[in-house]
Amino acid sequence: MDQPAPDRAQIDQILELAGVAAHASARQAAPVACWMAGVAGWDLADAIRIAEKVAAETA
């Protein structure tokens, strides 16, 4: 890969995004949400906010 490894803060954000996605739907959503955020080039904080919004709307 031509990208640097994620730092500790980025890893924490990735895990937070995965947690929000997993708790809001099927657990399989966690890796899919992380993959989608990466492919889309989203800022991780934005991806977490979007996931939290979707989770709240579907609760």
N, C-alpha and C. Protein backbone atom coordinates (compact mmCIF):
# COMPACT_ATOMS: atom_id res chain seq x y z
N MET A 1 0.84 -1.18 0.00
CA MET A 1 0.00 0.00 0.00
C MET A 1 0.88 1.23 0.00
N ASP A 2 0.41 2.25 -0.64
CA ASP A 2 1.14 3.51 -0.68
C ASP A 2 0.70 4.46 0.42
N GLN A 3 0.13 3.93 1.46
CA GLN A 3 -0.35 4.75 2.57
C GLN A 3 0.40 4.37 3.84
N PRO A 4 0.64 5.34 4.70
CA PRO A 4 1.28 5.01 5.97
C PRO A 4 0.32 4.22 6.86
N ALA A 5 0.87 3.48 7.79
CA ALA A 5 0.05 2.76 8.75
C ALA A 5 -0.72 3.77 9.61
N PRO A 6 -1.92 3.40 10.05
CA PRO A 6 -2.67 4.33 10.90
C PRO A 6 -1.97 4.52 12.24
N ASP A 7 -2.09 5.73 12.77
CA ASP A 7 -1.52 5.97 14.10
C ASP A 7 -2.55 5.55 15.16
N ARG A 8 -2.18 5.66 16.41
CA ARG A 8 -3.05 5.21 17.51
C ARG A 8 -4.39 5.93 17.49
N ALA A 9 -4.40 7.23 17.25
CA ALA A 9 -5.66 7.98 17.23
C ALA A 9 -6.55 7.50 16.09
N GLN A 10 -5.97 7.24 14.93
CA GLN A 10 -6.75 6.74 13.80
C GLN A 10 -7.30 5.35 14.08
N ILE A 11 -6.50 4.51 14.70
CA ILE A 11 -6.98 3.17 15.05
C ILE A 11 -8.16 3.27 16.01
N ASP A 12 -8.06 4.16 16.99
CA ASP A 12 -9.17 4.35 17.93
C ASP A 12 -10.43 4.81 17.20
N GLN A 13 -10.28 5.72 16.23
CA GLN A 13 -11.44 6.19 15.46
C GLN A 13 -12.02 5.07 14.60
N ILE A 14 -11.17 4.26 13.99
CA ILE A 14 -11.65 3.14 13.18
C ILE A 14 -12.45 2.18 14.05
N LEU A 15 -11.93 1.89 15.24
CA LEU A 15 -12.64 0.99 16.15
C LEU A 15 -13.94 1.60 16.64
N GLU A 16 -13.96 2.91 16.86
CA GLU A 16 -15.20 3.58 17.26
C GLU A 16 -16.24 3.49 16.15
N LEU A 17 -15.83 3.75 14.92
CA LEU A 17 -16.73 3.62 13.77
C LEU A 17 -17.27 2.20 13.67
N ALA A 18 -16.39 1.23 13.81
CA ALA A 18 -16.82 -0.17 13.75
C ALA A 18 -17.81 -0.48 14.86
N GLY A 19 -17.57 0.04 16.04
CA GLY A 19 -18.48 -0.19 17.16
C GLY A 19 -19.85 0.40 16.94
N VAL A 20 -19.90 1.61 16.43
CA VAL A 20 -21.19 2.25 16.15
C VAL A 20 -21.95 1.43 15.10
N ALA A 21 -21.26 1.06 14.05
CA ALA A 21 -21.91 0.29 12.98
C ALA A 21 -22.39 -1.07 13.48
N ALA A 22 -21.58 -1.73 14.28
CA ALA A 22 -21.94 -3.07 14.77
C ALA A 22 -23.13 -3.02 15.72
N HIS A 23 -23.20 -1.99 16.55
CA HIS A 23 -24.30 -1.91 17.52
C HIS A 23 -25.58 -1.38 16.90
N ALA A 24 -25.49 -0.71 15.78
CA ALA A 24 -26.68 -0.14 15.14
C ALA A 24 -27.36 -1.13 14.20
N SER A 25 -26.67 -2.20 13.87
CA SER A 25 -27.23 -3.17 12.91
C SER A 25 -26.55 -4.51 13.14
N ALA A 26 -26.50 -5.30 12.11
CA ALA A 26 -25.79 -6.58 12.22
C ALA A 26 -24.30 -6.33 12.39
N ARG A 27 -23.65 -7.21 13.09
CA ARG A 27 -22.21 -7.04 13.35
C ARG A 27 -21.41 -6.96 12.06
N GLN A 28 -21.91 -7.57 11.00
CA GLN A 28 -21.19 -7.55 9.72
C GLN A 28 -21.07 -6.14 9.16
N ALA A 29 -21.88 -5.22 9.66
CA ALA A 29 -21.82 -3.84 9.17
C ALA A 29 -20.53 -3.14 9.57
N ALA A 30 -19.88 -3.61 10.61
CA ALA A 30 -18.68 -2.93 11.10
C ALA A 30 -17.56 -2.87 10.05
N PRO A 31 -17.12 -4.00 9.50
CA PRO A 31 -16.05 -3.89 8.50
C PRO A 31 -16.51 -3.20 7.22
N VAL A 32 -17.78 -3.37 6.88
CA VAL A 32 -18.29 -2.72 5.67
C VAL A 32 -18.28 -1.20 5.85
N ALA A 33 -18.70 -0.71 7.00
CA ALA A 33 -18.70 0.73 7.26
C ALA A 33 -17.28 1.29 7.20
N CYS A 34 -16.34 0.57 7.78
CA CYS A 34 -14.94 1.03 7.76
C CYS A 34 -14.40 1.03 6.34
N TRP A 35 -14.71 0.00 5.58
CA TRP A 35 -14.26 -0.08 4.19
C TRP A 35 -14.86 1.08 3.38
N MET A 36 -16.16 1.31 3.54
CA MET A 36 -16.82 2.39 2.79
C MET A 36 -16.21 3.74 3.11
N ALA A 37 -15.94 3.99 4.39
CA ALA A 37 -15.33 5.27 4.77
C ALA A 37 -13.96 5.42 4.14
N GLY A 38 -13.18 4.34 4.12
CA GLY A 38 -11.85 4.40 3.52
C GLY A 38 -11.89 4.62 2.02
N VAL A 39 -12.75 3.87 1.34
CA VAL A 39 -12.86 4.00 -0.12
C VAL A 39 -13.35 5.39 -0.50
N ALA A 40 -14.28 5.92 0.29
CA ALA A 40 -14.83 7.24 0.00
C ALA A 40 -13.86 8.36 0.37
N GLY A 41 -12.83 8.03 1.15
CA GLY A 41 -11.88 9.05 1.56
C GLY A 41 -12.42 9.97 2.63
N TRP A 42 -13.42 9.49 3.38
CA TRP A 42 -14.02 10.32 4.42
C TRP A 42 -13.07 10.51 5.59
N ASP A 43 -13.16 11.65 6.20
CA ASP A 43 -12.50 11.89 7.48
C ASP A 43 -13.16 10.95 8.49
N LEU A 44 -12.38 10.32 9.34
CA LEU A 44 -12.96 9.34 10.28
C LEU A 44 -13.95 9.97 11.24
N ALA A 45 -13.70 11.18 11.70
CA ALA A 45 -14.65 11.85 12.59
C ALA A 45 -15.98 12.07 11.89
N ASP A 46 -15.94 12.44 10.61
CA ASP A 46 -17.17 12.61 9.84
C ASP A 46 -17.89 11.28 9.67
N ALA A 47 -17.15 10.22 9.40
CA ALA A 47 -17.75 8.89 9.23
C ALA A 47 -18.44 8.45 10.52
N ILE A 48 -17.82 8.72 11.66
CA ILE A 48 -18.43 8.36 12.94
C ILE A 48 -19.72 9.14 13.15
N ARG A 49 -19.70 10.43 12.85
CA ARG A 49 -20.92 11.25 12.99
C ARG A 49 -22.03 10.73 12.09
N ILE A 50 -21.70 10.38 10.87
CA ILE A 50 -22.70 9.84 9.94
C ILE A 50 -23.25 8.53 10.48
N ALA A 51 -22.39 7.65 10.96
CA ALA A 51 -22.83 6.36 11.50
C ALA A 51 -23.73 6.57 12.72
N GLU A 52 -23.37 7.50 13.58
CA GLU A 52 -24.20 7.78 14.76
C GLU A 52 -25.56 8.33 14.36
N LYS A 53 -25.59 9.17 13.33
CA LYS A 53 -26.86 9.72 12.85
C LYS A 53 -27.74 8.61 12.28
N VAL A 54 -27.16 7.74 11.47
CA VAL A 54 -27.92 6.62 10.91
C VAL A 54 -28.42 5.72 12.03
N ALA A 55 -27.57 5.45 13.01
CA ALA A 55 -27.97 4.60 14.14
C ALA A 55 -29.15 5.21 14.89
N ALA A 56 -29.10 6.51 15.13
CA ALA A 56 -30.19 7.18 15.85
C ALA A 56 -31.48 7.16 15.05
N GLU A 57 -31.37 7.30 13.73
CA GLU A 57 -32.56 7.32 12.88
C GLU A 57 -33.20 5.94 12.74
N THR A 58 -32.42 4.90 12.93
CA THR A 58 -32.95 3.55 12.75
C THR A 58 -33.25 2.86 14.08
N ALA A 59 -33.02 3.56 15.18
CA ALA A 59 -33.26 2.96 16.51
C ALA A 59 -34.73 2.90 16.84
